[in-house]
C-alpha atoms as a PDB file:
ATOM      1  CA  MET A   1    -133.096 215.731 -65.865  1.00  0.00           C
ATOM      2  CA  THR A   2    -132.597 212.729 -63.605  1.00  0.00           C
ATOM      3  CA  VAL A   3    -132.693 209.203 -65.008  1.00  0.00           C
ATOM      4  CA  PRO A   4    -133.390 206.428 -62.473  1.00  0.00           C
ATOM      5  CA  GLY A   5    -130.293 204.365 -61.813  1.00  0.00           C
ATOM      6  CA  VAL A   6    -127.908 207.012 -63.133  1.00  0.00           C
ATOM      7  CA  ALA A   7    -125.599 209.023 -60.898  1.00  0.00           C
ATOM      8  CA  PRO A   8    -126.465 212.735 -61.087  1.00  0.00           C
ATOM      9  CA  GLY A   9    -123.912 215.056 -62.566  1.00  0.00           C
ATOM     10  CA  ILE A  10    -122.178 212.383 -64.631  1.00  0.00           C
ATOM     11  CA  PRO A  11    -123.126 212.023 -68.316  1.00  0.00           C
ATOM     12  CA  LEU A  12    -124.781 208.688 -68.965  1.00  0.00           C
ATOM     13  CA  GLN A  13    -122.324 207.759 -71.703  1.00  0.00           C
ATOM     14  CA  LYS A  14    -119.405 208.455 -69.363  1.00  0.00           C
ATOM     15  CA  GLN A  15    -120.811 206.013 -66.826  1.00  0.00           C
ATOM     16  CA  ILE A  16    -121.376 203.321 -69.429  1.00  0.00           C
ATOM     17  CA  PHE A  17    -118.232 203.705 -71.501  1.00  0.00           C
ATOM     18  CA  PRO A  18    -115.606 205.696 -69.565  1.00  0.00           C
ATOM     19  CA  GLY A  19    -113.156 207.240 -71.991  1.00  0.00           C
ATOM     20  CA  LEU A  20    -115.519 207.420 -74.969  1.00  0.00           C
ATOM     21  CA  THR A  21    -113.084 205.905 -77.431  1.00  0.00           C
ATOM     22  CA  PRO A  22    -113.978 204.914 -81.021  1.00  0.00           C
ATOM     23  CA  PRO A  23    -115.975 203.116 -82.319  1.00  0.00           C
ATOM     24  CA  LEU A  24    -118.315 204.671 -79.747  1.00  0.00           C
ATOM     25  CA  GLU A  25    -120.488 207.267 -81.449  1.00  0.00           C
ATOM     26  CA  ARG A  26    -121.500 210.460 -79.674  1.00  0.00           C
ATOM     27  CA  CYS A  27    -125.010 211.150 -80.799  1.00  0.00           C
ATOM     28  CA  ASP A  28    -124.775 214.915 -80.362  1.00  0.00           C
ATOM     29  CA  GLN A  29    -122.063 214.902 -83.019  1.00  0.00           C
ATOM     30  CA  ALA A  30    -124.108 212.614 -85.253  1.00  0.00           C
ATOM     31  CA  ARG A  31    -127.047 215.007 -85.079  1.00  0.00           C
ATOM     32  CA  SER A  32    -124.966 217.826 -86.478  1.00  0.00           C
ATOM     33  CA  ARG A  33    -123.883 215.908 -89.572  1.00  0.00           C
ATOM     34  CA  THR A  34    -127.016 213.987 -90.555  1.00  0.00           C
ATOM     35  CA  ALA A  35    -130.503 214.812 -91.772  1.00  0.00           C
ATOM     36  CA  ASP A  36    -133.712 213.170 -90.595  1.00  0.00           C
ATOM     37  CA  LEU A  37    -134.994 210.125 -92.412  1.00  0.00           C
ATOM     38  CA  GLY A  38    -138.199 210.815 -94.249  1.00  0.00           C
ATOM     39  CA  ARG A  39    -140.316 207.824 -93.272  1.00  0.00           C
ATOM     40  CA  ILE A  40    -139.944 205.361 -90.435  1.00  0.00           C
ATOM     41  CA  ALA A  41    -142.240 202.426 -89.812  1.00  0.00           C
ATOM     42  CA  ALA A  42    -142.249 201.545 -86.127  1.00  0.00           C
ATOM     43  CA  THR A  43    -143.631 198.173 -85.116  1.00  0.00           C
ATOM     44  CA  GLY A  44    -144.431 198.008 -81.429  1.00  0.00           C
ATOM     45  CA  ILE A  45    -145.783 194.506 -81.257  1.00  0.00           C
ATOM     46  CA  ARG A  46    -145.733 192.225 -78.229  1.00  0.00           C
ATOM     47  CA  GLY A  47    -146.191 188.502 -78.384  1.00  0.00           C
ATOM     48  CA  ASP A  48    -148.375 187.508 -81.323  1.00  0.00           C
ATOM     49  CA  ALA A  49    -149.866 190.944 -81.899  1.00  0.00           C
ATOM     50  CA  ALA A  50    -150.188 192.625 -85.259  1.00  0.00           C
ATOM     51  CA  CYS A  51    -150.666 196.298 -84.485  1.00  0.00           C
ATOM     52  CA  VAL A  52    -148.310 198.714 -86.188  1.00  0.00           C
ATOM     53  CA  SER A  53    -147.954 202.461 -86.546  1.00  0.00           C
ATOM     54  CA  ARG A  54    -146.358 204.165 -89.506  1.00  0.00           C
ATOM     55  CA  CYS A  55    -144.680 207.433 -88.621  1.00  0.00           C
ATOM     56  CA  SER A  56    -143.881 210.293 -90.937  1.00  0.00           C
ATOM     57  CA  GLY A  57    -140.558 211.453 -89.612  1.00  0.00           C
ATOM     58  CA  TRP A  58    -139.157 210.516 -86.239  1.00  0.00           C
ATOM     59  CA  ALA A  59    -141.671 212.084 -83.904  1.00  0.00           C
ATOM     60  CA  GLY A  60    -143.826 208.993 -83.509  1.00  0.00           C
ATOM     61  CA  TRP A  61    -141.093 206.787 -82.097  1.00  0.00           C
ATOM     62  CA  GLY A  62    -139.981 206.398 -78.486  1.00  0.00           C
ATOM     63  CA  GLY A  63    -142.043 203.475 -77.207  1.00  0.00           C
ATOM     64  CA  ARG A  64    -145.323 205.260 -77.950  1.00  0.00           C
ATOM     65  CA  TRP A  65    -146.644 203.162 -80.814  1.00  0.00           C
ATOM     66  CA  PRO A  66    -149.294 200.564 -80.015  1.00  0.00           C
ATOM     67  CA  ASN A  67    -148.064 197.447 -78.286  1.00  0.00           C
ATOM     68  CA  GLY A  68    -149.594 194.555 -76.471  1.00  0.00           C
ATOM     69  CA  CYS A  69    -152.582 194.385 -78.804  1.00  0.00           C
ATOM     70  CA  SER A  70    -154.254 191.141 -79.790  1.00  0.00           C
ATOM     71  CA  ARG A  71    -153.921 189.856 -83.317  1.00  0.00           C
ATOM     72  CA  GLY A  72    -156.464 191.497 -85.577  1.00  0.00           C
ATOM     73  CA  THR A  73    -157.340 194.192 -83.041  1.00  0.00           C
ATOM     74  CA  SER A  74    -157.266 197.820 -84.082  1.00  0.00           C
ATOM     75  CA  PRO A  75    -154.817 199.788 -81.917  1.00  0.00           C
ATOM     76  CA  SER A  76    -157.585 202.280 -81.143  1.00  0.00           C
ATOM     77  CA  ARG A  77    -159.661 199.464 -79.596  1.00  0.00           C
ATOM     78  CA  CYS A  78    -157.008 197.548 -77.702  1.00  0.00           C
ATOM     79  CA  GLY A  79    -155.709 198.087 -74.196  1.00  0.00           C
ATOM     80  CA  THR A  80    -153.079 200.525 -75.398  1.00  0.00           C
ATOM     81  CA  GLY A  81    -155.475 202.711 -77.351  1.00  0.00           C
ATOM     82  CA  ARG A  82    -154.345 205.745 -75.362  1.00  0.00           C
ATOM     83  CA  ARG A  83    -150.828 205.338 -76.699  1.00  0.00           C
ATOM     84  CA  ALA A  84    -152.145 204.796 -80.205  1.00  0.00           C
ATOM     85  CA  GLY A  85    -153.985 208.087 -79.910  1.00  0.00           C
ATOM     86  CA  GLU A  86    -150.818 209.827 -78.789  1.00  0.00           C
ATOM     87  CA  VAL A  87    -148.984 208.547 -81.852  1.00  0.00           C
ATOM     88  CA  THR A  88    -151.630 209.471 -84.371  1.00  0.00           C
ATOM     89  CA  ALA A  89    -151.942 212.911 -82.785  1.00  0.00           C
ATOM     90  CA  ARG A  90    -148.283 213.452 -83.580  1.00  0.00           C
ATOM     91  CA  GLY A  91    -148.609 212.639 -87.267  1.00  0.00           C
ATOM     92  CA  ALA A  92    -148.534 208.840 -87.346  1.00  0.00           C
ATOM     93  CA  THR A  93    -151.031 206.715 -89.232  1.00  0.00           C
ATOM     94  CA  GLU A  94    -152.303 203.318 -88.154  1.00  0.00           C
ATOM     95  CA  ALA A  95    -151.661 200.271 -90.307  1.00  0.00           C
ATOM     96  CA  ALA A  96    -153.445 196.935 -90.239  1.00  0.00           C
ATOM     97  CA  ASP A  97    -150.329 194.792 -90.594  1.00  0.00           C
ATOM     98  CA  PRO A  98    -146.521 195.087 -90.704  1.00  0.00           C
ATOM     99  CA  ALA A  99    -146.300 195.023 -94.511  1.00  0.00           C
ATOM    100  CA  GLU A 100    -148.703 197.941 -94.830  1.00  0.00           C
ATOM    101  CA  ALA A 101    -146.801 199.914 -92.196  1.00  0.00           C
ATOM    102  CA  ALA A 102    -143.447 199.271 -93.844  1.00  0.00           C
ATOM    103  CA  ARG A 103    -144.517 200.138 -97.377  1.00  0.00           C
ATOM    104  CA  ASP A 104    -142.606 203.183 -98.704  1.00  0.00           C
ATOM    105  CA  ALA A 105    -140.675 203.510 -95.428  1.00  0.00           C
ATOM    106  CA  GLU A 106    -136.928 204.079 -95.392  1.00  0.00           C
ATOM    107  CA  ALA A 107    -136.498 202.249 -92.091  1.00  0.00           C
ATOM    108  CA  VAL A 108    -138.532 199.696 -90.159  1.00  0.00           C
ATOM    109  CA  LEU A 109    -137.943 199.559 -86.394  1.00  0.00           C
ATOM    110  CA  ILE A 110    -139.002 196.360 -84.672  1.00  0.00           C
ATOM    111  CA  SER A 111    -139.354 195.959 -80.905  1.00  0.00           C
ATOM    112  CA  LEU A 112    -140.953 192.680 -79.850  1.00  0.00           C
ATOM    113  CA  ALA A 113    -141.147 190.405 -76.837  1.00  0.00           C
ATOM    114  CA  ASP A 114    -139.411 187.260 -78.060  1.00  0.00           C
ATOM    115  CA  ASP A 115    -137.860 185.330 -80.934  1.00  0.00           C
ATOM    116  CA  ALA A 116    -141.122 183.845 -82.165  1.00  0.00           C
ATOM    117  CA  ALA A 117    -142.790 187.246 -82.465  1.00  0.00           C
ATOM    118  CA  VAL A 118    -139.849 188.746 -84.353  1.00  0.00           C
ATOM    119  CA  ARG A 119    -139.643 185.827 -86.769  1.00  0.00           C
ATOM    120  CA  GLU A 120    -143.400 186.011 -87.422  1.00  0.00           C
ATOM    121  CA  VAL A 121    -143.325 189.724 -88.180  1.00  0.00           C
ATOM    122  CA  MET A 122    -140.274 189.403 -90.408  1.00  0.00           C
ATOM    123  CA  THR A 123    -142.127 186.678 -92.316  1.00  0.00           C
ATOM    124  CA  ARG A 124    -144.957 189.137 -92.931  1.00  0.00           C
ATOM    125  CA  LEU A 125    -142.414 191.693 -94.151  1.00  0.00           C
ATOM    126  CA  ALA A 126    -140.789 189.295 -96.620  1.00  0.00           C
ATOM    127  CA  GLY A 127    -142.218 191.026 -99.692  1.00  0.00           C
ATOM    128  CA  VAL A 128    -141.363 194.573 -98.636  1.00  0.00           C
ATOM    129  CA  GLU A 129    -138.399 195.866-100.626  1.00  0.00           C
ATOM    130  CA  GLY A 130    -136.385 198.975 -99.898  1.00  0.00           C
ATOM    131  CA  PRO A 131    -136.309 199.819 -96.195  1.00  0.00           C
ATOM    132  CA  ILE A 132    -133.598 198.921 -93.708  1.00  0.00           C
ATOM    133  CA  PHE A 133    -134.970 196.637 -90.986  1.00  0.00           C
ATOM    134  CA  ALA A 134    -133.632 197.373 -87.504  1.00  0.00           C
ATOM    135  CA  ASP A 135    -134.567 194.855 -84.831  1.00  0.00           C
ATOM    136  CA  MET A 136    -134.363 196.350 -81.347  1.00  0.00           C
ATOM    137  CA  SER A 137    -135.670 193.237 -79.600  1.00  0.00           C
ATOM    138  CA  THR A 138    -133.762 191.000 -77.196  1.00  0.00           C
ATOM    139  CA  VAL A 139    -133.541 187.707 -79.067  1.00  0.00           C
ATOM    140  CA  SER A 140    -131.035 184.923 -79.562  1.00  0.00           C
ATOM    141  CA  PRO A 141    -127.964 185.567 -81.742  1.00  0.00           C
ATOM    142  CA  ASP A 142    -129.065 182.794 -84.099  1.00  0.00           C
ATOM    143  CA  THR A 143    -132.446 184.464 -84.558  1.00  0.00           C
ATOM    144  CA  SER A 144    -130.770 187.783 -85.300  1.00  0.00           C
ATOM    145  CA  ARG A 145    -128.528 186.175 -87.918  1.00  0.00           C
ATOM    146  CA  ALA A 146    -131.508 184.376 -89.455  1.00  0.00           C
ATOM    147  CA  LEU A 147    -133.384 187.665 -89.674  1.00  0.00           C
ATOM    148  CA  GLY A 148    -130.435 189.177 -91.499  1.00  0.00           C
ATOM    149  CA  GLU A 149    -130.559 186.379 -94.045  1.00  0.00           C
ATOM    150  CA  ALA A 150    -134.343 186.605 -94.406  1.00  0.00           C
ATOM    151  CA  ALA A 151    -134.634 190.380 -94.660  1.00  0.00           C
ATOM    152  CA  PRO A 152    -135.375 191.574 -98.211  1.00  0.00           C
ATOM    153  CA  GLY A 153    -132.090 192.490 -99.829  1.00  0.00           C
ATOM    154  CA  GLY A 154    -130.248 191.594 -96.639  1.00  0.00           C
ATOM    155  CA  ARG A 155    -130.997 195.125 -95.416  1.00  0.00           C
ATOM    156  CA  PHE A 156    -130.990 194.317 -91.707  1.00  0.00           C
ATOM    157  CA  VAL A 157    -129.243 195.490 -88.555  1.00  0.00           C
ATOM    158  CA  ALA A 158    -129.613 194.392 -84.959  1.00  0.00           C
ATOM    159  CA  ALA A 159    -129.974 197.277 -82.523  1.00  0.00           C
ATOM    160  CA  PRO A 160    -130.977 196.028 -79.060  1.00  0.00           C
ATOM    161  CA  ILE A 161    -131.598 198.825 -76.590  1.00  0.00           C
ATOM    162  CA  ILE A 162    -130.072 199.183 -73.144  1.00  0.00           C
ATOM    163  CA  GLY A 163    -132.184 201.375 -70.885  1.00  0.00           C
ATOM    164  CA  GLY A 164    -135.685 201.471 -69.463  1.00  0.00           C
ATOM    165  CA  PRO A 165    -138.704 203.377 -70.801  1.00  0.00           C
ATOM    166  CA  VAL A 166    -137.835 206.583 -68.953  1.00  0.00           C
ATOM    167  CA  ALA A 167    -134.328 206.605 -70.393  1.00  0.00           C
ATOM    168  CA  VAL A 168    -135.673 205.816 -73.872  1.00  0.00           C
ATOM    169  CA  ALA A 169    -138.325 208.521 -73.732  1.00  0.00           C
ATOM    170  CA  GLU A 170    -135.737 211.070 -72.623  1.00  0.00           C
ATOM    171  CA  GLY A 171    -133.216 210.026 -75.272  1.00  0.00           C
ATOM    172  CA  GLN A 172    -130.825 208.776 -72.602  1.00  0.00           C
ATOM    173  CA  ALA A 173    -130.792 205.079 -73.480  1.00  0.00           C
ATOM    174  CA  PHE A 174    -128.108 203.594 -75.696  1.00  0.00           C
ATOM    175  CA  THR A 175    -128.079 200.912 -78.305  1.00  0.00           C
ATOM    176  CA  LEU A 176    -125.728 198.188 -79.479  1.00  0.00           C
ATOM    177  CA  VAL A 177    -125.706 197.988 -83.254  1.00  0.00           C
ATOM    178  CA  GLY A 178    -124.568 195.091 -85.421  1.00  0.00           C
ATOM    179  CA  GLY A 179    -124.661 194.526 -89.164  1.00  0.00           C
ATOM    180  CA  ASP A 180    -123.307 195.976 -92.351  1.00  0.00           C
ATOM    181  CA  ARG A 181    -121.548 199.215 -91.441  1.00  0.00           C
ATOM    182  CA  GLU A 182    -122.967 201.093 -94.407  1.00  0.00           C
ATOM    183  CA  LEU A 183    -126.509 200.229 -93.342  1.00  0.00           C
ATOM    184  CA  VAL A 184    -125.721 201.235 -89.767  1.00  0.00           C
ATOM    185  CA  ASP A 185    -124.389 204.582 -90.967  1.00  0.00           C
ATOM    186  CA  ASP A 186    -127.482 205.105 -93.124  1.00  0.00           C
ATOM    187  CA  LEU A 187    -129.536 204.955 -89.911  1.00  0.00           C
ATOM    188  CA  ARG A 188    -127.447 207.523 -88.055  1.00  0.00           C
ATOM    189  CA  PRO A 189    -130.392 209.941 -87.859  1.00  0.00           C
ATOM    190  CA  ILE A 190    -132.233 207.335 -85.782  1.00  0.00           C
ATOM    191  CA  TRP A 191    -129.331 206.687 -83.442  1.00  0.00           C
ATOM    192  CA  ALA A 192    -128.753 210.429 -83.137  1.00  0.00           C
ATOM    193  CA  GLU A 193    -132.341 211.377 -82.391  1.00  0.00           C
ATOM    194  CA  GLY A 194    -133.305 208.489 -80.161  1.00  0.00           C
ATOM    195  CA  PHE A 195    -130.241 207.660 -78.096  1.00  0.00           C
ATOM    196  CA  ALA A 196    -127.550 209.242 -75.995  1.00  0.00           C
ATOM    197  CA  VAL A 197    -124.927 206.839 -77.324  1.00  0.00           C
ATOM    198  CA  TYR A 198    -124.663 203.938 -79.734  1.00  0.00           C
ATOM    199  CA  ARG A 199    -121.896 201.402 -80.149  1.00  0.00           C
ATOM    200  CA  TYR A 200    -121.094 199.527 -83.343  1.00  0.00           C
ATOM    201  CA  CYS A 201    -120.475 195.867 -82.476  1.00  0.00           C
ATOM    202  CA  GLY A 202    -119.322 194.543 -85.840  1.00  0.00           C
ATOM    203  CA  ALA A 203    -120.758 193.089 -89.015  1.00  0.00           C
ATOM    204  CA  ASP A 204    -122.292 190.042 -87.279  1.00  0.00           C
ATOM    205  CA  PRO A 205    -125.714 191.129 -85.911  1.00  0.00           C
ATOM    206  CA  GLY A 206    -125.557 188.230 -83.480  1.00  0.00           C
ATOM    207  CA  HIS A 207    -122.697 189.886 -81.623  1.00  0.00           C
ATOM    208  CA  ALA A 208    -124.773 192.961 -80.788  1.00  0.00           C
ATOM    209  CA  VAL A 209    -127.474 190.710 -79.346  1.00  0.00           C
ATOM    210  CA  THR A 210    -124.879 188.673 -77.435  1.00  0.00           C
ATOM    211  CA  PHE A 211    -123.632 191.831 -75.735  1.00  0.00           C
ATOM    212  CA  LYS A 212    -127.232 192.719 -74.831  1.00  0.00           C
ATOM    213  CA  LEU A 213    -127.841 189.283 -73.332  1.00  0.00           C
ATOM    214  CA  LEU A 214    -124.655 189.509 -71.265  1.00  0.00           C
ATOM    215  CA  ASN A 215    -125.771 192.910 -70.016  1.00  0.00           C
ATOM    216  CA  ASN A 216    -129.221 191.634 -69.118  1.00  0.00           C
ATOM    217  CA  TYR A 217    -127.773 188.635 -67.314  1.00  0.00           C
ATOM    218  CA  LEU A 218    -125.717 191.006 -65.172  1.00  0.00           C
ATOM    219  CA  LEU A 219    -128.872 192.984 -64.402  1.00  0.00           C
ATOM    220  CA  MET A 220    -130.959 189.894 -63.585  1.00  0.00           C
ATOM    221  CA  SER A 221    -128.296 188.455 -61.298  1.00  0.00           C
ATOM    222  CA  SER A 222    -127.772 191.827 -59.587  1.00  0.00           C
ATOM    223  CA  VAL A 223    -131.484 192.218 -58.878  1.00  0.00           C
ATOM    224  CA  ALA A 224    -131.713 188.630 -57.621  1.00  0.00           C
ATOM    225  CA  VAL A 225    -128.855 189.196 -55.169  1.00  0.00           C
ATOM    226  CA  LEU A 226    -130.272 192.584 -54.179  1.00  0.00           C
ATOM    227  CA  GLY A 227    -133.553 190.885 -53.328  1.00  0.00           C
ATOM    228  CA  GLU A 228    -131.749 188.456 -51.054  1.00  0.00           C
ATOM    229  CA  VAL A 229    -129.880 191.302 -49.366  1.00  0.00           C
ATOM    230  CA  VAL A 230    -133.103 193.222 -48.721  1.00  0.00           C
ATOM    231  CA  ALA A 231    -134.985 190.159 -47.469  1.00  0.00           C
ATOM    232  CA  THR A 232    -132.124 189.213 -45.152  1.00  0.00           C
ATOM    233  CA  GLY A 233    -131.746 192.734 -43.782  1.00  0.00           C
ATOM    234  CA  LEU A 234    -135.451 193.172 -43.083  1.00  0.00           C
ATOM    235  CA  ALA A 235    -135.709 189.715 -41.516  1.00  0.00           C
ATOM    236  CA  ALA A 236    -132.779 190.625 -39.256  1.00  0.00           C
ATOM    237  CA  GLY A 237    -134.667 193.694 -38.075  1.00  0.00           C
ATOM    238  CA  VAL A 238    -132.522 196.486 -39.528  1.00  0.00           C
ATOM    239  CA  ASP A 239    -134.080 199.880 -40.228  1.00  0.00           C
ATOM    240  CA  ASP A 240    -135.537 199.845 -43.730  1.00  0.00           C
ATOM    241  CA  LEU A 241    -134.798 203.513 -44.475  1.00  0.00           C
ATOM    242  CA  LEU A 242    -131.214 203.144 -43.349  1.00  0.00           C
ATOM    243  CA  LEU A 243    -130.913 199.999 -45.460  1.00  0.00           C
ATOM    244  CA  ARG A 244    -132.236 201.952 -48.451  1.00  0.00           C
ATOM    245  CA  ASP A 245    -129.689 204.715 -47.896  1.00  0.00           C
ATOM    246  CA  PHE A 246    -126.856 202.223 -47.703  1.00  0.00           C
ATOM    247  CA  LEU A 247    -127.944 200.383 -50.839  1.00  0.00           C
ATOM    248  CA  LEU A 248    -128.067 203.648 -52.771  1.00  0.00           C
ATOM    249  CA  GLY A 249    -124.657 204.655 -51.486  1.00  0.00           C
ATOM    250  CA  TRP A 250    -122.644 201.458 -51.402  1.00  0.00           C
ATOM    251  CA  PRO A 251    -120.335 201.090 -54.430  1.00  0.00           C
ATOM    252  CA  THR A 252    -121.016 197.361 -54.376  1.00  0.00           C
ATOM    253  CA  VAL A 253    -124.570 197.924 -55.618  1.00  0.00           C
ATOM    254  CA  PRO A 254    -124.613 198.411 -59.414  1.00  0.00           C
ATOM    255  CA  LEU A 255    -126.079 201.675 -60.681  1.00  0.00           C
ATOM    256  CA  ALA A 256    -128.412 199.757 -62.958  1.00  0.00           C
ATOM    257  CA  ALA A 257    -130.065 198.195 -59.888  1.00  0.00           C
ATOM    258  CA  HIS A 258    -130.690 201.491 -58.103  1.00  0.00           C
ATOM    259  CA  ASN A 259    -134.062 202.067 -59.708  1.00  0.00           C
ATOM    260  CA  ARG A 260    -135.342 198.787 -58.259  1.00  0.00           C
ATOM    261  CA  ILE A 261    -134.329 199.309 -54.637  1.00  0.00           C
ATOM    262  CA  ASP A 262    -137.594 201.021 -53.663  1.00  0.00           C
ATOM    263  CA  ASP A 263    -139.625 198.398 -55.508  1.00  0.00           C
ATOM    264  CA  ILE A 264    -137.865 195.516 -53.777  1.00  0.00           C
ATOM    265  CA  LEU A 265    -138.237 197.199 -50.379  1.00  0.00           C
ATOM    266  CA  GLY A 266    -141.845 198.223 -50.884  1.00  0.00           C
ATOM    267  CA  GLY A 267    -143.210 195.265 -52.820  1.00  0.00           C
ATOM    268  CA  ASP A 268    -145.124 197.236 -55.445  1.00  0.00           C
ATOM    269  CA  HIS A 269    -143.522 195.477 -58.431  1.00  0.00           C
ATOM    270  CA  ARG A 270    -145.155 197.604 -61.112  1.00  0.00           C
ATOM    271  CA  GLY A 271    -142.601 198.111 -63.840  1.00  0.00           C
ATOM    272  CA  TRP A 272    -141.612 197.461 -67.396  1.00  0.00           C
ATOM    273  CA  PHE A 273    -139.390 194.364 -67.241  1.00  0.00           C
ATOM    274  CA  THR A 274    -141.383 191.311 -66.171  1.00  0.00           C
ATOM    275  CA  THR A 275    -140.026 188.251 -64.412  1.00  0.00           C
ATOM    276  CA  SER A 276    -141.065 186.094 -67.372  1.00  0.00           C
ATOM    277  CA  LEU A 277    -139.046 188.252 -69.761  1.00  0.00           C
ATOM    278  CA  GLY A 278    -136.153 188.259 -67.309  1.00  0.00           C
ATOM    279  CA  ALA A 279    -136.189 184.458 -67.233  1.00  0.00           C
ATOM    280  CA  LYS A 280    -136.273 184.407 -71.045  1.00  0.00           C
ATOM    281  CA  ASP A 281    -133.250 186.690 -71.343  1.00  0.00           C
ATOM    282  CA  VAL A 282    -131.167 184.691 -68.874  1.00  0.00           C
ATOM    283  CA  ARG A 283    -132.161 181.484 -70.661  1.00  0.00           C
ATOM    284  CA  LEU A 284    -130.893 182.961 -73.923  1.00  0.00           C
ATOM    285  CA  ALA A 285    -127.642 183.941 -72.207  1.00  0.00           C
ATOM    286  CA  VAL A 286    -127.279 180.382 -70.925  1.00  0.00           C
ATOM    287  CA  GLU A 287    -127.836 179.061 -74.453  1.00  0.00           C
ATOM    288  CA  VAL A 288    -125.113 181.359 -75.767  1.00  0.00           C
ATOM    289  CA  ALA A 289    -122.735 180.098 -73.092  1.00  0.00           C
ATOM    290  CA  ARG A 290    -123.487 176.441 -73.749  1.00  0.00           C
ATOM    291  CA  ALA A 291    -123.114 176.874 -77.503  1.00  0.00           C
ATOM    292  CA  ALA A 292    -119.642 178.247 -76.784  1.00  0.00           C
ATOM    293  CA  GLY A 293    -118.726 175.302 -74.555  1.00  0.00           C
ATOM    294  CA  VAL A 294    -119.376 177.016 -71.200  1.00  0.00           C
ATOM    295  CA  ASP A 295    -121.855 175.664 -68.660  1.00  0.00           C
ATOM    296  CA  PRO A 296    -122.704 178.612 -66.332  1.00  0.00           C
ATOM    297  CA  PRO A 297    -124.142 177.251 -63.069  1.00  0.00           C
ATOM    298  CA  ILE A 298    -124.957 180.647 -61.554  1.00  0.00           C
ATOM    299  CA  ALA A 299    -126.808 181.770 -64.668  1.00  0.00           C
ATOM    300  CA  ARG A 300    -128.853 178.577 -64.658  1.00  0.00           C
ATOM    301  CA  LEU A 301    -129.784 179.218 -61.020  1.00  0.00           C
ATOM    302  CA  VAL A 302    -130.736 182.841 -61.741  1.00  0.00           C
ATOM    303  CA  GLN A 303    -132.865 181.710 -64.679  1.00  0.00           C
ATOM    304  CA  ARG A 304    -134.688 179.219 -62.483  1.00  0.00           C
ATOM    305  CA  ARG A 305    -135.349 181.813 -59.762  1.00  0.00           C
ATOM    306  CA  TYR A 306    -137.104 184.109 -62.232  1.00  0.00           C
ATOM    307  CA  GLU A 307    -139.053 181.172 -63.625  1.00  0.00           C
ATOM    308  CA  GLU A 308    -140.176 180.315 -60.088  1.00  0.00           C
ATOM    309  CA  ALA A 309    -141.289 183.895 -59.478  1.00  0.00           C
ATOM    310  CA  ALA A 310    -143.341 183.792 -62.677  1.00  0.00           C
ATOM    311  CA  GLU A 311    -144.852 180.445 -61.733  1.00  0.00           C
ATOM    312  CA  LEU A 312    -145.907 181.804 -58.324  1.00  0.00           C
ATOM    313  CA  GLY A 313    -148.062 184.462 -59.967  1.00  0.00           C
ATOM    314  CA  TRP A 314    -145.537 187.225 -60.598  1.00  0.00           C
ATOM    315  CA  ALA A 315    -145.153 186.614 -64.341  1.00  0.00           C
ATOM    316  CA  ASP A 316    -146.365 190.096 -65.251  1.00  0.00           C
ATOM    317  CA  ALA A 317    -144.667 191.856 -62.343  1.00  0.00           C
ATOM    318  CA  ASP A 318    -141.357 193.662 -62.578  1.00  0.00           C
ATOM    319  CA  ILE A 319    -138.164 191.669 -62.034  1.00  0.00           C
ATOM    320  CA  GLY A 320    -137.944 193.111 -58.516  1.00  0.00           C
ATOM    321  CA  ALA A 321    -140.702 190.645 -57.638  1.00  0.00           C
ATOM    322  CA  ILE A 322    -138.025 187.964 -57.399  1.00  0.00           C
ATOM    323  CA  VAL A 323    -137.743 189.045 -53.760  1.00  0.00           C
ATOM    324  CA  GLU A 324    -141.165 187.480 -53.199  1.00  0.00           C
ATOM    325  CA  LEU A 325    -139.569 184.044 -53.350  1.00  0.00           C
ATOM    326  CA  LEU A 326    -138.188 184.900 -49.912  1.00  0.00           C
ATOM    327  CA  HIS A 327    -141.540 186.124 -48.519  1.00  0.00           C
ATOM    328  CA  PRO A 328    -143.743 183.011 -48.122  1.00  0.00           C
ATOM    329  CA  ARG A 329    -146.367 185.010 -46.246  1.00  0.00           C
ATOM    330  CA  ARG A 330    -146.818 187.290 -49.240  1.00  0.00           C
ATOM    331  CA  HIS A 331    -147.091 184.179 -51.431  1.00  0.00           C
ATOM    332  CA  ALA A 332    -150.065 183.012 -49.400  1.00  0.00           C
ATOM    333  CA  VAL A 333    -151.795 186.394 -49.637  1.00  0.00           C
ATOM    334  CA  ARG A 334    -151.251 186.537 -53.396  1.00  0.00           C
ATOM    335  CA  ASP A 335    -152.446 182.957 -53.890  1.00  0.00           C
ATOM    336  CA  GLU A 336    -155.644 183.705 -51.950  1.00  0.00           C
ATOM    337  CA  GLY A 337    -156.341 186.668 -54.215  1.00  0.00           C
ATOM    338  CA  ARG A 338    -155.987 184.727 -57.464  1.00  0.00           C
END
């Protein structure tokens, strides 16, 4: 199996954490010493949506529950009805709201677009006692800590995911986990089944999210610079295929940016990580820095570049669309089509 952005022949966890020293957990070992959780409620809600699937066992997870639905819309009738059908075909049942989905579950997995959505869903889950709530969203550290305080019984862990949909679906993504260690260990079946590697980041859930934001800032800045490199090379008249080969081979280009080289060169910009979400993540990283007494000028510039791309009509396009800021002719064509 080949995962975009990962060097073939080298285990993913070796590329991410060379040396594999504790407290890094190898999920193949975790699988051999843990049993599956009985019931998992997976909430795949974007924005202000309220569509949830409840899964019996683990099979329904992996980014396949309904997401992107409008509030009050049945998953079977929203734009992601095909995914809802896939989930229910594998043993999941649809629920009208988060509380219904979480009832009688041992774990509730939450993956949402922003802080406001996570806080709203956690508010709806306030009366649900028993399950461990694992938030896999990219939110601010303060939001993550507030969720830990608000979760019934304090049964909350942060578990932001690093890896795109392909890596997640193939079990090759990894997750950064923060919170009470006993709760984290109780969810080992989830980490083992869904991820290649997980890393415990300490009792403060905000630290796990901070690491995720730092990672995403590195990705956003790398893609922004890569866009400038591509635009400059093409404007200078170099061969585009040769440029592609160099970018894939040069050690100066991060592996995580490899799966966006073709998109930046070709201008398709269909993907999973939008410019608006990229701007949001960098903004959160800037807020973390400022709260710690650091004013990061490059991060502020990167944030603004993604905001500009979104404002120019690329809000729902993949982060590779940041290259379009350097293609005014394409701007004109896109503006005419809106």
